[in-house]
């Protein structure tokens, strides 16, 4: 949550929210802002709904069972888009990154967090992800590796390149 620097009025999108843990943490920091979280799995969304009943009732959170590529955000724009341990760039990075480009606000930022199962996979992901983002019209602002146990975690923070807006 420190890396996301959630502000009270932020509009956020979480891709691959799973059981909704990050939704809960984000909502604790929101006042007038909102988070929309999606996951391909209806079962995960059901668990996230149970965990976040209060936030859903307050209107700070909405949850939807849909893939990023099939989602319709109705023209909504987000200040911050993030994903934790979601392989957005593995199958069809151009399609995923185009979908994200369509929903990032003018000053929007993308945060991709990853904690692979093996320490040996941390550095390769931290090196390959920025290259992929830059090849698809994003500017990488920061790559952070945090030493955790049992495996380190990485966050790649990027924005749209001025030419890609």
C-alpha atoms as a PDB file:
ATOM      1  CA  UNK A   1       0.000   0.000   0.000  1.00  0.00           C
ATOM      2  CA  UNK A   2       2.919   2.339   0.628  1.00  0.00           C
ATOM      3  CA  UNK A   3       4.091   1.935  -2.959  1.00  0.00           C
ATOM      4  CA  UNK A   4       0.640   2.775  -4.358  1.00  0.00           C
ATOM      5  CA  UNK A   5       0.472   5.945  -2.256  1.00  0.00           C
ATOM      6  CA  UNK A   6      -3.329   5.799  -2.189  1.00  0.00           C
ATOM      7  CA  UNK A   7      -4.854   9.242  -1.707  1.00  0.00           C
ATOM      8  CA  UNK A   8      -8.366   9.792  -0.316  1.00  0.00           C
ATOM      9  CA  UNK A   9      -9.827  10.841  -3.689  1.00  0.00           C
ATOM     10  CA  UNK A  10      -8.023   8.334  -5.934  1.00  0.00           C
ATOM     11  CA  UNK A  11      -9.881   6.294  -8.542  1.00  0.00           C
ATOM     12  CA  UNK A  12      -8.270   2.860  -8.715  1.00  0.00           C
ATOM     13  CA  UNK A  13      -8.616  -0.301 -10.763  1.00  0.00           C
ATOM     14  CA  UNK A  14      -7.289  -3.607  -9.508  1.00  0.00           C
ATOM     15  CA  UNK A  15      -6.864  -6.324 -12.113  1.00  0.00           C
ATOM     16  CA  UNK A  16      -7.033  -9.832 -10.662  1.00  0.00           C
ATOM     17  CA  UNK A  17      -8.295  -8.975  -7.191  1.00  0.00           C
ATOM     18  CA  UNK A  18      -8.603 -12.556  -5.951  1.00  0.00           C
ATOM     19  CA  UNK A  19     -10.202 -12.633  -2.505  1.00  0.00           C
ATOM     20  CA  UNK A  20     -10.210  -8.840  -2.228  1.00  0.00           C
ATOM     21  CA  UNK A  21      -7.454  -8.306   0.324  1.00  0.00           C
ATOM     22  CA  UNK A  22      -5.993  -5.289  -1.491  1.00  0.00           C
ATOM     23  CA  UNK A  23      -9.501  -3.877  -2.000  1.00  0.00           C
ATOM     24  CA  UNK A  24      -9.933  -3.805   1.788  1.00  0.00           C
ATOM     25  CA  UNK A  25      -6.569  -2.132   2.324  1.00  0.00           C
ATOM     26  CA  UNK A  26      -7.210   0.475  -0.381  1.00  0.00           C
ATOM     27  CA  UNK A  27     -10.706   1.287   0.890  1.00  0.00           C
ATOM     28  CA  UNK A  28      -9.311   2.054   4.347  1.00  0.00           C
ATOM     29  CA  UNK A  29      -7.452   4.970   2.724  1.00  0.00           C
ATOM     30  CA  UNK A  30     -10.283   6.295   0.533  1.00  0.00           C
ATOM     31  CA  UNK A  31     -12.767   9.032   1.416  1.00  0.00           C
ATOM     32  CA  UNK A  32     -14.258  10.279  -1.836  1.00  0.00           C
ATOM     33  CA  UNK A  33     -12.259   7.929  -4.059  1.00  0.00           C
ATOM     34  CA  UNK A  34     -13.335   4.567  -5.405  1.00  0.00           C
ATOM     35  CA  UNK A  35     -11.828   1.227  -6.371  1.00  0.00           C
ATOM     36  CA  UNK A  36     -13.162  -1.029  -9.101  1.00  0.00           C
ATOM     37  CA  UNK A  37     -11.727  -4.541  -8.870  1.00  0.00           C
ATOM     38  CA  UNK A  38     -12.008  -7.300 -11.431  1.00  0.00           C
ATOM     39  CA  UNK A  39     -11.102 -10.964 -11.522  1.00  0.00           C
ATOM     40  CA  UNK A  40     -11.744 -13.650 -14.123  1.00  0.00           C
ATOM     41  CA  UNK A  41     -12.994 -16.001 -11.414  1.00  0.00           C
ATOM     42  CA  UNK A  42     -16.588 -15.657 -10.181  1.00  0.00           C
ATOM     43  CA  UNK A  43     -15.598 -17.694  -7.105  1.00  0.00           C
ATOM     44  CA  UNK A  44     -12.870 -15.184  -6.208  1.00  0.00           C
ATOM     45  CA  UNK A  45     -15.266 -12.274  -6.716  1.00  0.00           C
ATOM     46  CA  UNK A  46     -17.782 -13.978  -4.402  1.00  0.00           C
ATOM     47  CA  UNK A  47     -15.099 -14.233  -1.708  1.00  0.00           C
ATOM     48  CA  UNK A  48     -14.037 -10.622  -2.314  1.00  0.00           C
ATOM     49  CA  UNK A  49     -17.672  -9.505  -1.955  1.00  0.00           C
ATOM     50  CA  UNK A  50     -17.979 -11.259   1.408  1.00  0.00           C
ATOM     51  CA  UNK A  51     -14.721  -9.712   2.627  1.00  0.00           C
ATOM     52  CA  UNK A  52     -15.684  -6.209   1.436  1.00  0.00           C
ATOM     53  CA  UNK A  53     -19.421  -5.986   2.211  1.00  0.00           C
ATOM     54  CA  UNK A  54     -18.976  -2.725   4.091  1.00  0.00           C
ATOM     55  CA  UNK A  55     -16.958  -1.111   1.306  1.00  0.00           C
ATOM     56  CA  UNK A  56     -19.432  -2.237  -1.349  1.00  0.00           C
ATOM     57  CA  UNK A  57     -22.337  -0.840   0.684  1.00  0.00           C
ATOM     58  CA  UNK A  58     -20.551   2.504   1.106  1.00  0.00           C
ATOM     59  CA  UNK A  59     -19.941   2.764  -2.640  1.00  0.00           C
ATOM     60  CA  UNK A  60     -16.155   2.910  -2.229  1.00  0.00           C
ATOM     61  CA  UNK A  61     -15.741  -0.452  -3.975  1.00  0.00           C
ATOM     62  CA  UNK A  62     -17.244  -2.285  -6.916  1.00  0.00           C
ATOM     63  CA  UNK A  63     -16.316  -5.829  -7.901  1.00  0.00           C
ATOM     64  CA  UNK A  64     -16.836  -7.583 -11.204  1.00  0.00           C
ATOM     65  CA  UNK A  65     -16.154 -11.086 -12.536  1.00  0.00           C
ATOM     66  CA  UNK A  66     -14.600 -10.320 -15.924  1.00  0.00           C
ATOM     67  CA  UNK A  67     -11.239 -10.418 -17.660  1.00  0.00           C
ATOM     68  CA  UNK A  68      -9.432  -7.170 -18.343  1.00  0.00           C
ATOM     69  CA  UNK A  69      -9.751  -7.627 -22.079  1.00  0.00           C
ATOM     70  CA  UNK A  70     -13.534  -8.218 -21.877  1.00  0.00           C
ATOM     71  CA  UNK A  71     -14.334  -5.543 -19.300  1.00  0.00           C
ATOM     72  CA  UNK A  72     -16.438  -2.514 -20.173  1.00  0.00           C
ATOM     73  CA  UNK A  73     -15.657   0.362 -17.848  1.00  0.00           C
ATOM     74  CA  UNK A  74     -18.169   2.680 -19.477  1.00  0.00           C
ATOM     75  CA  UNK A  75     -15.614   5.356 -20.218  1.00  0.00           C
ATOM     76  CA  UNK A  76     -14.298   5.456 -16.638  1.00  0.00           C
ATOM     77  CA  UNK A  77     -10.707   6.601 -16.178  1.00  0.00           C
ATOM     78  CA  UNK A  78      -8.482   5.593 -13.307  1.00  0.00           C
ATOM     79  CA  UNK A  79      -5.679   7.408 -11.499  1.00  0.00           C
ATOM     80  CA  UNK A  80      -3.963   4.159 -10.589  1.00  0.00           C
ATOM     81  CA  UNK A  81      -4.226   0.687 -12.043  1.00  0.00           C
ATOM     82  CA  UNK A  82      -2.519  -2.187 -10.285  1.00  0.00           C
ATOM     83  CA  UNK A  83      -2.175  -5.944 -10.376  1.00  0.00           C
ATOM     84  CA  UNK A  84      -0.585  -8.296  -7.862  1.00  0.00           C
ATOM     85  CA  UNK A  85       0.813 -11.587  -9.169  1.00  0.00           C
ATOM     86  CA  UNK A  86      -1.220 -11.360 -12.368  1.00  0.00           C
ATOM     87  CA  UNK A  87       0.571 -12.313 -15.571  1.00  0.00           C
ATOM     88  CA  UNK A  88      -0.882  -9.493 -17.678  1.00  0.00           C
ATOM     89  CA  UNK A  89       2.057  -9.510 -20.057  1.00  0.00           C
ATOM     90  CA  UNK A  90       2.499 -13.228 -20.615  1.00  0.00           C
ATOM     91  CA  UNK A  91      -0.018 -14.197 -23.328  1.00  0.00           C
ATOM     92  CA  UNK A  92      -0.806 -11.075 -25.334  1.00  0.00           C
ATOM     93  CA  UNK A  93       0.912  -8.040 -23.830  1.00  0.00           C
ATOM     94  CA  UNK A  94      -0.233  -5.703 -26.613  1.00  0.00           C
ATOM     95  CA  UNK A  95      -3.898  -6.509 -25.982  1.00  0.00           C
ATOM     96  CA  UNK A  96      -3.615  -6.188 -22.205  1.00  0.00           C
ATOM     97  CA  UNK A  97      -1.619  -2.972 -22.368  1.00  0.00           C
ATOM     98  CA  UNK A  98      -4.015  -1.478 -24.929  1.00  0.00           C
ATOM     99  CA  UNK A  99      -6.899  -2.257 -22.551  1.00  0.00           C
ATOM    100  CA  UNK A 100      -5.032  -0.515 -19.732  1.00  0.00           C
ATOM    101  CA  UNK A 101      -4.174   2.468 -21.937  1.00  0.00           C
ATOM    102  CA  UNK A 102      -7.900   2.950 -22.569  1.00  0.00           C
ATOM    103  CA  UNK A 103      -8.686   3.308 -18.852  1.00  0.00           C
ATOM    104  CA  UNK A 104      -5.679   5.208 -17.495  1.00  0.00           C
ATOM    105  CA  UNK A 105      -6.472   8.823 -16.738  1.00  0.00           C
ATOM    106  CA  UNK A 106      -4.290  11.636 -18.130  1.00  0.00           C
ATOM    107  CA  UNK A 107      -1.905  11.405 -15.176  1.00  0.00           C
ATOM    108  CA  UNK A 108      -2.628   7.733 -14.525  1.00  0.00           C
ATOM    109  CA  UNK A 109      -0.036   5.264 -13.286  1.00  0.00           C
ATOM    110  CA  UNK A 110       0.339   1.519 -13.649  1.00  0.00           C
ATOM    111  CA  UNK A 111       1.765  -0.631 -10.839  1.00  0.00           C
ATOM    112  CA  UNK A 112       2.609  -4.262 -11.518  1.00  0.00           C
ATOM    113  CA  UNK A 113       3.539  -6.237  -8.408  1.00  0.00           C
ATOM    114  CA  UNK A 114       5.033  -9.703  -8.605  1.00  0.00           C
ATOM    115  CA  UNK A 115       6.336 -12.190  -6.073  1.00  0.00           C
ATOM    116  CA  UNK A 116       7.297 -15.333  -7.989  1.00  0.00           C
ATOM    117  CA  UNK A 117       7.491 -18.708  -6.280  1.00  0.00           C
ATOM    118  CA  UNK A 118      11.290 -18.892  -6.675  1.00  0.00           C
ATOM    119  CA  UNK A 119      13.897 -16.244  -5.856  1.00  0.00           C
ATOM    120  CA  UNK A 120      15.703 -17.069  -9.112  1.00  0.00           C
ATOM    121  CA  UNK A 121      12.717 -15.687 -11.059  1.00  0.00           C
ATOM    122  CA  UNK A 122      12.627 -12.266  -9.373  1.00  0.00           C
ATOM    123  CA  UNK A 123      15.413 -10.550 -11.357  1.00  0.00           C
ATOM    124  CA  UNK A 124      14.378 -11.881 -14.775  1.00  0.00           C
ATOM    125  CA  UNK A 125      10.811 -10.583 -14.225  1.00  0.00           C
ATOM    126  CA  UNK A 126      12.141  -7.249 -12.944  1.00  0.00           C
ATOM    127  CA  UNK A 127      14.241  -6.889 -16.100  1.00  0.00           C
ATOM    128  CA  UNK A 128      11.777  -8.195 -18.715  1.00  0.00           C
ATOM    129  CA  UNK A 129       8.670  -6.338 -17.549  1.00  0.00           C
ATOM    130  CA  UNK A 130      10.046  -2.804 -18.055  1.00  0.00           C
ATOM    131  CA  UNK A 131      11.252  -3.753 -21.556  1.00  0.00           C
ATOM    132  CA  UNK A 132       7.794  -5.040 -22.466  1.00  0.00           C
ATOM    133  CA  UNK A 133       6.080  -1.949 -21.074  1.00  0.00           C
ATOM    134  CA  UNK A 134       8.424   0.408 -22.909  1.00  0.00           C
ATOM    135  CA  UNK A 135       7.940  -1.500 -26.173  1.00  0.00           C
ATOM    136  CA  UNK A 136       4.195  -0.851 -25.856  1.00  0.00           C
ATOM    137  CA  UNK A 137       4.159   2.875 -25.175  1.00  0.00           C
ATOM    138  CA  UNK A 138       4.797   3.108 -21.440  1.00  0.00           C
ATOM    139  CA  UNK A 139       7.554   4.915 -19.569  1.00  0.00           C
ATOM    140  CA  UNK A 140       8.896   3.056 -16.545  1.00  0.00           C
ATOM    141  CA  UNK A 141       9.281   5.379 -13.588  1.00  0.00           C
ATOM    142  CA  UNK A 142      10.610   2.930 -11.036  1.00  0.00           C
ATOM    143  CA  UNK A 143      11.444  -0.723 -10.433  1.00  0.00           C
ATOM    144  CA  UNK A 144      11.507  -1.671  -6.766  1.00  0.00           C
ATOM    145  CA  UNK A 145      12.699  -4.983  -5.407  1.00  0.00           C
ATOM    146  CA  UNK A 146      11.903  -5.637  -1.789  1.00  0.00           C
ATOM    147  CA  UNK A 147      13.658  -8.432   0.026  1.00  0.00           C
ATOM    148  CA  UNK A 148      10.984 -10.553   1.657  1.00  0.00           C
ATOM    149  CA  UNK A 149      10.922 -14.095   2.926  1.00  0.00           C
ATOM    150  CA  UNK A 150      10.686 -16.613   1.443  1.00  0.00           C
ATOM    151  CA  UNK A 151      10.976 -14.727  -1.892  1.00  0.00           C
ATOM    152  CA  UNK A 152      11.585 -11.088  -2.835  1.00  0.00           C
ATOM    153  CA  UNK A 153       8.819  -9.018  -4.413  1.00  0.00           C
ATOM    154  CA  UNK A 154       9.019  -6.575  -7.332  1.00  0.00           C
ATOM    155  CA  UNK A 155       6.954  -3.547  -8.308  1.00  0.00           C
ATOM    156  CA  UNK A 156       7.231  -1.918 -11.718  1.00  0.00           C
ATOM    157  CA  UNK A 157       5.695   1.568 -11.760  1.00  0.00           C
ATOM    158  CA  UNK A 158       4.950   3.001 -15.207  1.00  0.00           C
ATOM    159  CA  UNK A 159       2.983   5.761 -16.928  1.00  0.00           C
ATOM    160  CA  UNK A 160       1.887   6.220 -20.508  1.00  0.00           C
ATOM    161  CA  UNK A 161       4.566   7.739 -22.706  1.00  0.00           C
ATOM    162  CA  UNK A 162       3.523  11.167 -24.005  1.00  0.00           C
ATOM    163  CA  UNK A 163       3.474   9.786 -27.561  1.00  0.00           C
ATOM    164  CA  UNK A 164       1.097   6.949 -26.515  1.00  0.00           C
ATOM    165  CA  UNK A 165      -1.637   9.085 -24.948  1.00  0.00           C
END
